[in-house]
Amino acid sequence: MSLPSNRNTPSVQLEDGVRIPQLGFGVFQISPDEVQARVEEALDVGYRHIDTAAAYNNEQGVGRALTASGLPRDEVFVTTKLRNGEQGRTSAADALRGSLDRLGLEYVDLYLIHWPSPARDAYVDSWRAMIEAKRAGLARAIGVSNFLPHHLERVITETGVVPAVDQIELHPYFAQPGVVRILGERGVAVESYSPLGQGRDLADPVVLEIAAVLDRAPAQVILRWHLQHGYIAIPKASARPRMAANLDVFDFHLTEEDMRRIDSLDTGERIGGDPDTFEISQIR
């Protein structure tokens, strides 16, 4: 297997000093049977940041791909997430050990609470478990996902520890400027999932026009928009050419006018669940 280095991919320094590659490969909805091959290919293309979750039921395949790649452990940034149904101080600690076993790793680079799941009222206790896991060296950095400002403020107020990252649905049609502003004020890095709007945003006339002028693919234009905003993005791709194209976004820039036009596409309509009401256990 050819393993090209990916020196062109910039990284973002989190508040705790850990550096995370700004562009990663997401494995949401990749089946357990397919994920090893996909991740091996992504690593071969040059990705050095892999994002999974216990709820995706594919951590084991991700771990096999990491082993098969032959890459030193410290060259690949690995994120996984805590299921809603495993929230709680003791259960969250056990869940992380389960994820590490499935991944075949001694630590993850980033561990996230997948959803606040407010009806369970366990995310603060889960956060305490994650603070302890970081101190124990089981996670280099800890953060949250799908947290709105009031969820974020509660964990900070009750524990005194600010999450390093909030991974949220974010794309041109759902840009969440208010949430992004508050995260910036708190020093929390913004990580975009569904960064292409699950493909919906790619057909927008503004995106198509900018892509035509730059002789770039629409996905490259949108990913460049994320990068220039300072966001971390984790697109998914099923074919090697698309994987490579998504990673080939570091040698051009959008103008301020391009950025303004894409910013103006925000509809305020999300694709995924509402963090205030999403309560699926994620255990199946």
C-alpha atoms as a PDB file:
ATOM      1  CA  MET A   1       0.000   0.000   0.000  1.00  0.00           C
ATOM      2  CA  SER A   2       1.318   3.441  -0.949  1.00  0.00           C
ATOM      3  CA  LEU A   3       1.090   5.841   1.944  1.00  0.00           C
ATOM      4  CA  PRO A   4       1.593   9.413   0.735  1.00  0.00           C
ATOM      5  CA  SER A   5       2.213  12.028   3.391  1.00  0.00           C
ATOM      6  CA  ASN A   6      -0.358  14.769   3.705  1.00  0.00           C
ATOM      7  CA  ARG A   7       1.846  17.710   4.595  1.00  0.00           C
ATOM      8  CA  ASN A   8      -0.479  20.198   2.912  1.00  0.00           C
ATOM      9  CA  THR A   9      -3.361  19.611   5.321  1.00  0.00           C
ATOM     10  CA  PRO A  10      -3.381  22.390   7.932  1.00  0.00           C
ATOM     11  CA  SER A  11      -4.232  21.700  11.534  1.00  0.00           C
ATOM     12  CA  VAL A  12      -6.163  23.599  14.168  1.00  0.00           C
ATOM     13  CA  GLN A  13      -4.718  23.973  17.644  1.00  0.00           C
ATOM     14  CA  LEU A  14      -7.344  23.278  20.267  1.00  0.00           C
ATOM     15  CA  GLU A  15      -7.422  25.260  23.500  1.00  0.00           C
ATOM     16  CA  ASP A  16      -5.708  22.427  25.349  1.00  0.00           C
ATOM     17  CA  GLY A  17      -2.793  22.449  22.881  1.00  0.00           C
ATOM     18  CA  VAL A  18      -3.750  19.332  20.902  1.00  0.00           C
ATOM     19  CA  ARG A  19      -3.584  19.832  17.135  1.00  0.00           C
ATOM     20  CA  ILE A  20      -6.303  18.356  14.909  1.00  0.00           C
ATOM     21  CA  PRO A  21      -6.080  18.080  11.100  1.00  0.00           C
ATOM     22  CA  GLN A  22      -8.589  20.572   9.718  1.00  0.00           C
ATOM     23  CA  LEU A  23      -9.947  18.156   7.130  1.00  0.00           C
ATOM     24  CA  GLY A  24     -10.831  14.595   8.056  1.00  0.00           C
ATOM     25  CA  PHE A  25     -12.699  11.574   6.768  1.00  0.00           C
ATOM     26  CA  GLY A  26     -16.094  10.792   8.290  1.00  0.00           C
ATOM     27  CA  VAL A  27     -17.494   7.263   8.398  1.00  0.00           C
ATOM     28  CA  PHE A  28     -21.127   7.967   9.330  1.00  0.00           C
ATOM     29  CA  GLN A  29     -23.465   5.488   7.575  1.00  0.00           C
ATOM     30  CA  ILE A  30     -20.581   3.386   6.228  1.00  0.00           C
ATOM     31  CA  SER A  31     -21.501  -0.199   6.989  1.00  0.00           C
ATOM     32  CA  PRO A  32     -19.316  -2.394   9.209  1.00  0.00           C
ATOM     33  CA  ASP A  33     -18.637  -4.614   6.193  1.00  0.00           C
ATOM     34  CA  GLU A  34     -17.335  -1.737   4.081  1.00  0.00           C
ATOM     35  CA  VAL A  35     -15.655   0.589   6.537  1.00  0.00           C
ATOM     36  CA  GLN A  36     -12.243  -1.101   6.715  1.00  0.00           C
ATOM     37  CA  ALA A  37     -11.723  -0.853   2.964  1.00  0.00           C
ATOM     38  CA  ARG A  38     -12.973   2.749   2.864  1.00  0.00           C
ATOM     39  CA  VAL A  39     -10.748   3.902   5.701  1.00  0.00           C
ATOM     40  CA  GLU A  40      -7.728   2.078   4.281  1.00  0.00           C
ATOM     41  CA  GLU A  41      -8.322   3.893   1.002  1.00  0.00           C
ATOM     42  CA  ALA A  42      -8.775   7.246   2.744  1.00  0.00           C
ATOM     43  CA  LEU A  43      -5.489   6.791   4.574  1.00  0.00           C
ATOM     44  CA  ASP A  44      -3.814   5.796   1.333  1.00  0.00           C
ATOM     45  CA  VAL A  45      -5.130   8.948  -0.348  1.00  0.00           C
ATOM     46  CA  GLY A  46      -3.621  11.010   2.454  1.00  0.00           C
ATOM     47  CA  TYR A  47      -6.218  11.577   5.173  1.00  0.00           C
ATOM     48  CA  ARG A  48      -4.778  11.608   8.671  1.00  0.00           C
ATOM     49  CA  HIS A  49      -7.966  12.313  10.604  1.00  0.00           C
ATOM     50  CA  ILE A  50     -10.700   9.673  10.928  1.00  0.00           C
ATOM     51  CA  ASP A  51     -14.033  10.404  12.635  1.00  0.00           C
ATOM     52  CA  THR A  52     -16.212   7.556  13.884  1.00  0.00           C
ATOM     53  CA  ALA A  53     -18.646   6.906  16.750  1.00  0.00           C
ATOM     54  CA  ALA A  54     -19.824   3.988  18.840  1.00  0.00           C
ATOM     55  CA  ALA A  55     -23.304   4.532  17.413  1.00  0.00           C
ATOM     56  CA  TYR A  56     -22.054   3.957  13.864  1.00  0.00           C
ATOM     57  CA  ASN A  57     -21.264   0.338  14.798  1.00  0.00           C
ATOM     58  CA  ASN A  58     -18.116   0.426  12.675  1.00  0.00           C
ATOM     59  CA  GLU A  59     -15.329   1.172  15.170  1.00  0.00           C
ATOM     60  CA  GLN A  60     -13.918  -2.330  14.798  1.00  0.00           C
ATOM     61  CA  GLY A  61     -13.465  -1.914  11.046  1.00  0.00           C
ATOM     62  CA  VAL A  62     -11.862   1.478  11.554  1.00  0.00           C
ATOM     63  CA  GLY A  63      -9.429  -0.102  13.973  1.00  0.00           C
ATOM     64  CA  ARG A  64      -8.553  -2.862  11.513  1.00  0.00           C
ATOM     65  CA  ALA A  65      -7.892  -0.249   8.832  1.00  0.00           C
ATOM     66  CA  LEU A  66      -5.574   1.686  11.138  1.00  0.00           C
ATOM     67  CA  THR A  67      -3.598  -1.479  11.827  1.00  0.00           C
ATOM     68  CA  ALA A  68      -3.484  -2.495   8.171  1.00  0.00           C
ATOM     69  CA  SER A  69      -2.228   0.935   7.104  1.00  0.00           C
ATOM     70  CA  GLY A  70       1.067   0.477   8.924  1.00  0.00           C
ATOM     71  CA  LEU A  71       1.034   4.127   9.915  1.00  0.00           C
ATOM     72  CA  PRO A  72       2.535   5.100  13.265  1.00  0.00           C
ATOM     73  CA  ARG A  73      -0.214   5.719  15.798  1.00  0.00           C
ATOM     74  CA  ASP A  74       0.748   9.350  16.311  1.00  0.00           C
ATOM     75  CA  GLU A  75       0.289  10.126  12.600  1.00  0.00           C
ATOM     76  CA  VAL A  76      -3.461   9.494  12.574  1.00  0.00           C
ATOM     77  CA  PHE A  77      -5.951  11.554  14.568  1.00  0.00           C
ATOM     78  CA  VAL A  78      -8.871   9.368  15.690  1.00  0.00           C
ATOM     79  CA  THR A  79     -12.201  10.643  17.022  1.00  0.00           C
ATOM     80  CA  THR A  80     -15.017   8.578  18.460  1.00  0.00           C
ATOM     81  CA  LYS A  81     -18.172   9.419  20.409  1.00  0.00           C
ATOM     82  CA  LEU A  82     -20.254   8.336  23.401  1.00  0.00           C
ATOM     83  CA  ARG A  83     -23.677   6.844  22.665  1.00  0.00           C
ATOM     84  CA  ASN A  84     -26.723   8.489  24.231  1.00  0.00           C
ATOM     85  CA  GLY A  85     -27.704   5.201  25.858  1.00  0.00           C
ATOM     86  CA  GLU A  86     -24.324   4.960  27.613  1.00  0.00           C
ATOM     87  CA  GLN A  87     -24.366   8.406  29.191  1.00  0.00           C
ATOM     88  CA  GLY A  88     -23.651   8.700  32.906  1.00  0.00           C
ATOM     89  CA  ARG A  89     -20.477   8.886  34.957  1.00  0.00           C
ATOM     90  CA  THR A  90     -19.797   5.156  35.279  1.00  0.00           C
ATOM     91  CA  SER A  91     -21.344   4.044  32.011  1.00  0.00           C
ATOM     92  CA  ALA A  92     -19.472   6.704  30.006  1.00  0.00           C
ATOM     93  CA  ALA A  93     -16.168   5.516  31.417  1.00  0.00           C
ATOM     94  CA  ASP A  94     -17.041   1.919  30.537  1.00  0.00           C
ATOM     95  CA  ALA A  95     -18.169   3.008  27.068  1.00  0.00           C
ATOM     96  CA  LEU A  96     -14.825   4.619  26.279  1.00  0.00           C
ATOM     97  CA  ARG A  97     -13.004   1.441  27.263  1.00  0.00           C
ATOM     98  CA  GLY A  98     -15.344  -0.463  24.955  1.00  0.00           C
ATOM     99  CA  SER A  99     -14.577   1.884  22.086  1.00  0.00           C
ATOM    100  CA  LEU A 100     -10.852   1.554  22.679  1.00  0.00           C
ATOM    101  CA  ASP A 101     -11.154  -2.241  22.633  1.00  0.00           C
ATOM    102  CA  ARG A 102     -13.075  -2.166  19.345  1.00  0.00           C
ATOM    103  CA  LEU A 103     -10.629   0.299  17.795  1.00  0.00           C
ATOM    104  CA  GLY A 104      -7.624  -1.639  19.091  1.00  0.00           C
ATOM    105  CA  LEU A 105      -6.147   1.560  20.547  1.00  0.00           C
ATOM    106  CA  GLU A 106      -4.745   2.611  23.897  1.00  0.00           C
ATOM    107  CA  TYR A 107      -6.179   6.112  23.525  1.00  0.00           C
ATOM    108  CA  VAL A 108      -8.270   8.207  21.181  1.00  0.00           C
ATOM    109  CA  ASP A 109      -7.233  11.669  20.104  1.00  0.00           C
ATOM    110  CA  LEU A 110     -10.692  13.131  20.646  1.00  0.00           C
ATOM    111  CA  TYR A 111     -13.677  11.756  22.556  1.00  0.00           C
ATOM    112  CA  LEU A 112     -17.046  13.464  22.193  1.00  0.00           C
ATOM    113  CA  ILE A 113     -20.451  13.286  23.865  1.00  0.00           C
ATOM    114  CA  HIS A 114     -22.468  12.514  20.738  1.00  0.00           C
ATOM    115  CA  TRP A 115     -25.674  14.365  21.742  1.00  0.00           C
ATOM    116  CA  PRO A 116     -26.736  16.250  24.861  1.00  0.00           C
ATOM    117  CA  SER A 117     -29.853  14.031  25.107  1.00  0.00           C
ATOM    118  CA  PRO A 118     -31.318  16.475  27.642  1.00  0.00           C
ATOM    119  CA  ALA A 119     -34.254  14.289  28.684  1.00  0.00           C
ATOM    120  CA  ARG A 120     -31.733  11.853  30.178  1.00  0.00           C
ATOM    121  CA  ASP A 121     -30.112  14.722  32.107  1.00  0.00           C
ATOM    122  CA  ALA A 122     -26.832  12.812  32.168  1.00  0.00           C
ATOM    123  CA  TYR A 123     -24.543  14.868  29.970  1.00  0.00           C
ATOM    124  CA  VAL A 124     -22.881  16.713  32.862  1.00  0.00           C
ATOM    125  CA  ASP A 125     -22.061  13.428  34.603  1.00  0.00           C
ATOM    126  CA  SER A 126     -20.835  12.077  31.254  1.00  0.00           C
ATOM    127  CA  TRP A 127     -18.630  15.134  30.910  1.00  0.00           C
ATOM    128  CA  ARG A 128     -17.142  14.497  34.355  1.00  0.00           C
ATOM    129  CA  ALA A 129     -16.279  10.964  33.244  1.00  0.00           C
ATOM    130  CA  MET A 130     -14.600  12.346  30.135  1.00  0.00           C
ATOM    131  CA  ILE A 131     -12.537  14.790  32.192  1.00  0.00           C
ATOM    132  CA  GLU A 132     -11.316  11.830  34.228  1.00  0.00           C
ATOM    133  CA  ALA A 133     -10.606   9.844  31.048  1.00  0.00           C
ATOM    134  CA  LYS A 134      -8.437  12.627  29.723  1.00  0.00           C
ATOM    135  CA  ARG A 135      -6.510  12.805  32.982  1.00  0.00           C
ATOM    136  CA  ALA A 136      -5.981   9.044  32.738  1.00  0.00           C
ATOM    137  CA  GLY A 137      -4.550   9.379  29.221  1.00  0.00           C
ATOM    138  CA  LEU A 138      -7.410   7.545  27.495  1.00  0.00           C
ATOM    139  CA  ALA A 139      -8.287  10.608  25.387  1.00  0.00           C
ATOM    140  CA  ARG A 140      -5.910  13.365  24.364  1.00  0.00           C
ATOM    141  CA  ALA A 141      -8.755  15.862  23.983  1.00  0.00           C
ATOM    142  CA  ILE A 142     -12.421  15.831  24.928  1.00  0.00           C
ATOM    143  CA  GLY A 143     -15.387  17.666  23.515  1.00  0.00           C
ATOM    144  CA  VAL A 144     -19.045  17.543  22.636  1.00  0.00           C
ATOM    145  CA  SER A 145     -21.232  17.161  19.588  1.00  0.00           C
ATOM    146  CA  ASN A 146     -24.609  18.721  18.801  1.00  0.00           C
ATOM    147  CA  PHE A 147     -24.428  20.928  21.897  1.00  0.00           C
ATOM    148  CA  LEU A 148     -26.298  24.206  21.760  1.00  0.00           C
ATOM    149  CA  PRO A 149     -24.990  27.168  23.778  1.00  0.00           C
ATOM    150  CA  HIS A 150     -27.170  26.430  26.821  1.00  0.00           C
ATOM    151  CA  HIS A 151     -25.931  22.819  26.948  1.00  0.00           C
ATOM    152  CA  LEU A 152     -22.367  24.052  26.629  1.00  0.00           C
ATOM    153  CA  GLU A 153     -22.737  26.670  29.337  1.00  0.00           C
ATOM    154  CA  ARG A 154     -24.130  24.098  31.747  1.00  0.00           C
ATOM    155  CA  VAL A 155     -21.163  21.722  31.477  1.00  0.00           C
ATOM    156  CA  ILE A 156     -18.727  24.631  31.809  1.00  0.00           C
ATOM    157  CA  THR A 157     -20.544  26.092  34.806  1.00  0.00           C
ATOM    158  CA  GLU A 158     -20.880  22.785  36.635  1.00  0.00           C
ATOM    159  CA  THR A 159     -17.390  21.387  35.961  1.00  0.00           C
ATOM    160  CA  GLY A 160     -15.189  24.360  35.130  1.00  0.00           C
ATOM    161  CA  VAL A 161     -13.842  22.528  32.066  1.00  0.00           C
ATOM    162  CA  VAL A 162     -14.491  23.909  28.578  1.00  0.00           C
ATOM    163  CA  PRO A 163     -14.944  21.359  25.778  1.00  0.00           C
ATOM    164  CA  ALA A 164     -12.185  21.571  23.190  1.00  0.00           C
ATOM    165  CA  VAL A 165     -14.562  20.979  20.257  1.00  0.00           C
ATOM    166  CA  ASP A 166     -18.255  21.144  19.429  1.00  0.00           C
ATOM    167  CA  GLN A 167     -19.035  19.016  16.376  1.00  0.00           C
ATOM    168  CA  ILE A 168     -22.266  20.375  14.886  1.00  0.00           C
ATOM    169  CA  GLU A 169     -24.286  20.141  11.705  1.00  0.00           C
ATOM    170  CA  LEU A 170     -22.887  22.987   9.655  1.00  0.00           C
ATOM    171  CA  HIS A 171     -23.007  23.715   5.923  1.00  0.00           C
ATOM    172  CA  PRO A 172     -23.964  26.701   3.744  1.00  0.00           C
ATOM    173  CA  TYR A 173     -27.709  26.034   4.058  1.00  0.00           C
ATOM    174  CA  PHE A 174     -27.406  25.649   7.849  1.00  0.00           C
ATOM    175  CA  ALA A 175     -24.558  27.869   8.959  1.00  0.00           C
ATOM    176  CA  GLN A 176     -25.531  28.401  12.628  1.00  0.00           C
ATOM    177  CA  PRO A 177     -23.845  31.834  12.914  1.00  0.00           C
ATOM    178  CA  GLY A 178     -25.139  32.453  16.438  1.00  0.00           C
ATOM    179  CA  VAL A 179     -23.812  29.136  17.733  1.00  0.00           C
ATOM    180  CA  VAL A 180     -20.493  29.648  15.930  1.00  0.00           C
ATOM    181  CA  ARG A 181     -20.097  33.093  17.499  1.00  0.00           C
ATOM    182  CA  ILE A 182     -20.636  31.771  21.030  1.00  0.00           C
ATOM    183  CA  LEU A 183     -18.281  28.846  20.468  1.00  0.00           C
ATOM    184  CA  GLY A 184     -15.632  31.297  19.321  1.00  0.00           C
ATOM    185  CA  GLU A 185     -16.131  33.433  22.408  1.00  0.00           C
ATOM    186  CA  ARG A 186     -15.667  30.357  24.582  1.00  0.00           C
ATOM    187  CA  GLY A 187     -12.573  29.159  22.706  1.00  0.00           C
ATOM    188  CA  VAL A 188     -14.350  26.013  21.493  1.00  0.00           C
ATOM    189  CA  ALA A 189     -13.277  24.788  18.045  1.00  0.00           C
ATOM    190  CA  VAL A 190     -16.081  24.377  15.509  1.00  0.00           C
ATOM    191  CA  GLU A 191     -16.199  21.035  13.704  1.00  0.00           C
ATOM    192  CA  SER A 192     -18.650  20.648  10.826  1.00  0.00           C
ATOM    193  CA  TYR A 193     -20.458  17.404  10.186  1.00  0.00           C
ATOM    194  CA  SER A 194     -22.533  16.986   7.031  1.00  0.00           C
ATOM    195  CA  PRO A 195     -20.299  19.779   5.684  1.00  0.00           C
ATOM    196  CA  LEU A 196     -21.787  19.423   2.181  1.00  0.00           C
ATOM    197  CA  GLY A 197     -25.374  19.317   3.429  1.00  0.00           C
ATOM    198  CA  GLN A 198     -25.430  15.588   2.601  1.00  0.00           C
ATOM    199  CA  GLY A 199     -25.078  16.663  -1.028  1.00  0.00           C
ATOM    200  CA  ARG A 200     -28.019  19.054  -1.023  1.00  0.00           C
ATOM    201  CA  ASP A 201     -25.917  22.229  -1.015  1.00  0.00           C
ATOM    202  CA  LEU A 202     -23.827  21.123  -3.999  1.00  0.00           C
ATOM    203  CA  ALA A 203     -26.503  22.057  -6.552  1.00  0.00           C
ATOM    204  CA  ASP A 204     -27.016  25.613  -5.358  1.00  0.00           C
ATOM    205  CA  PRO A 205     -26.615  28.093  -8.267  1.00  0.00           C
ATOM    206  CA  VAL A 206     -24.234  30.302  -6.279  1.00  0.00           C
ATOM    207  CA  VAL A 207     -21.967  27.358  -5.487  1.00  0.00           C
ATOM    208  CA  LEU A 208     -22.106  26.152  -9.088  1.00  0.00           C
ATOM    209  CA  GLU A 209     -21.224  29.592 -10.419  1.00  0.00           C
ATOM    210  CA  ILE A 210     -18.232  30.004  -8.115  1.00  0.00           C
ATOM    211  CA  ALA A 211     -17.079  26.482  -8.932  1.00  0.00           C
ATOM    212  CA  ALA A 212     -17.268  27.203 -12.669  1.00  0.00           C
ATOM    213  CA  VAL A 213     -15.212  30.390 -12.338  1.00  0.00           C
ATOM    214  CA  LEU A 214     -12.551  28.626 -10.279  1.00  0.00           C
ATOM    215  CA  ASP A 215     -12.664  25.408 -12.356  1.00  0.00           C
ATOM    216  CA  ARG A 216     -13.295  23.450  -9.172  1.00  0.00           C
ATOM    217  CA  ALA A 217     -15.888  20.921  -8.080  1.00  0.00           C
ATOM    218  CA  PRO A 218     -18.802  22.284  -6.010  1.00  0.00           C
ATOM    219  CA  ALA A 219     -17.729  20.122  -3.061  1.00  0.00           C
ATOM    220  CA  GLN A 220     -14.270  21.676  -3.177  1.00  0.00           C
ATOM    221  CA  VAL A 221     -15.787  25.164  -3.086  1.00  0.00           C
ATOM    222  CA  ILE A 222     -17.906  24.348  -0.040  1.00  0.00           C
ATOM    223  CA  LEU A 223     -15.044  22.640   1.790  1.00  0.00           C
ATOM    224  CA  ARG A 224     -12.884  25.670   1.068  1.00  0.00           C
ATOM    225  CA  TRP A 225     -15.628  27.832   2.612  1.00  0.00           C
ATOM    226  CA  HIS A 226     -15.406  25.744   5.797  1.00  0.00           C
ATOM    227  CA  LEU A 227     -11.631  25.967   5.922  1.00  0.00           C
ATOM    228  CA  GLN A 228     -11.544  29.729   5.407  1.00  0.00           C
ATOM    229  CA  HIS A 229     -14.002  30.159   8.245  1.00  0.00           C
ATOM    230  CA  GLY A 230     -11.578  28.207  10.427  1.00  0.00           C
ATOM    231  CA  TYR A 231     -13.863  25.208  10.831  1.00  0.00           C
ATOM    232  CA  ILE A 232     -12.758  21.580  10.985  1.00  0.00           C
ATOM    233  CA  ALA A 233     -14.662  19.514   8.400  1.00  0.00           C
ATOM    234  CA  ILE A 234     -15.216  15.755   8.072  1.00  0.00           C
ATOM    235  CA  PRO A 235     -16.731  14.955   4.657  1.00  0.00           C
ATOM    236  CA  LYS A 236     -17.597  11.387   3.711  1.00  0.00           C
ATOM    237  CA  ALA A 237     -16.882   9.932   0.276  1.00  0.00           C
ATOM    238  CA  SER A 238     -17.515   6.497  -1.169  1.00  0.00           C
ATOM    239  CA  ALA A 239     -15.099   6.513  -4.112  1.00  0.00           C
ATOM    240  CA  ARG A 240     -11.373   7.187  -4.244  1.00  0.00           C
ATOM    241  CA  PRO A 241     -11.591  10.038  -6.806  1.00  0.00           C
ATOM    242  CA  ARG A 242     -14.053  11.907  -4.571  1.00  0.00           C
ATOM    243  CA  MET A 243     -11.904  11.257  -1.502  1.00  0.00           C
ATOM    244  CA  ALA A 244      -8.905  12.711  -3.330  1.00  0.00           C
ATOM    245  CA  ALA A 245     -10.856  15.691  -4.672  1.00  0.00           C
ATOM    246  CA  ASN A 246     -12.191  16.557  -1.216  1.00  0.00           C
ATOM    247  CA  LEU A 247      -8.633  16.601   0.095  1.00  0.00           C
ATOM    248  CA  ASP A 248      -7.368  18.742  -2.796  1.00  0.00           C
ATOM    249  CA  VAL A 249      -8.579  22.090  -1.448  1.00  0.00           C
ATOM    250  CA  PHE A 250      -5.453  23.753  -0.108  1.00  0.00           C
ATOM    251  CA  ASP A 251      -4.085  25.427  -3.237  1.00  0.00           C
ATOM    252  CA  PHE A 252      -6.850  27.953  -3.951  1.00  0.00           C
ATOM    253  CA  HIS A 253      -8.830  30.591  -2.090  1.00  0.00           C
ATOM    254  CA  LEU A 254     -12.311  32.022  -2.208  1.00  0.00           C
ATOM    255  CA  THR A 255     -12.552  35.778  -2.414  1.00  0.00           C
ATOM    256  CA  GLU A 256     -14.270  37.802   0.293  1.00  0.00           C
ATOM    257  CA  GLU A 257     -17.187  38.216  -2.119  1.00  0.00           C
ATOM    258  CA  ASP A 258     -17.333  34.455  -2.705  1.00  0.00           C
ATOM    259  CA  MET A 259     -17.430  33.900   1.045  1.00  0.00           C
ATOM    260  CA  ARG A 260     -20.139  36.520   1.498  1.00  0.00           C
ATOM    261  CA  ARG A 261     -22.292  34.978  -1.223  1.00  0.00           C
ATOM    262  CA  ILE A 262     -22.016  31.494   0.260  1.00  0.00           C
ATOM    263  CA  ASP A 263     -22.714  32.874   3.736  1.00  0.00           C
ATOM    264  CA  SER A 264     -25.940  34.365   2.379  1.00  0.00           C
ATOM    265  CA  LEU A 265     -27.286  30.888   1.468  1.00  0.00           C
ATOM    266  CA  ASP A 266     -28.143  30.071   5.101  1.00  0.00           C
ATOM    267  CA  THR A 267     -31.771  28.966   5.425  1.00  0.00           C
ATOM    268  CA  GLY A 268     -31.683  28.112   9.124  1.00  0.00           C
ATOM    269  CA  GLU A 269     -33.094  24.654   8.330  1.00  0.00           C
ATOM    270  CA  ARG A 270     -31.240  21.655   9.714  1.00  0.00           C
ATOM    271  CA  ILE A 271     -31.136  18.177   8.163  1.00  0.00           C
ATOM    272  CA  GLY A 272     -30.466  16.205  11.327  1.00  0.00           C
ATOM    273  CA  GLY A 273     -32.121  16.056  14.719  1.00  0.00           C
ATOM    274  CA  ASP A 274     -32.792  18.970  17.042  1.00  0.00           C
ATOM    275  CA  PRO A 275     -30.324  18.739  19.967  1.00  0.00           C
ATOM    276  CA  ASP A 276     -33.034  19.821  22.384  1.00  0.00           C
ATOM    277  CA  THR A 277     -35.278  16.892  21.484  1.00  0.00           C
ATOM    278  CA  PHE A 278     -33.120  14.143  19.914  1.00  0.00           C
ATOM    279  CA  GLU A 279     -33.348  11.203  22.301  1.00  0.00           C
ATOM    280  CA  ILE A 280     -32.602   8.005  20.370  1.00  0.00           C
ATOM    281  CA  SER A 281     -30.547   5.632  22.548  1.00  0.00           C
ATOM    282  CA  GLN A 282     -28.224   4.805  19.582  1.00  0.00           C
ATOM    283  CA  ILE A 283     -27.932   1.263  20.943  1.00  0.00           C
ATOM    284  CA  ARG A 284     -29.162  -1.401  18.564  1.00  0.00           C
END
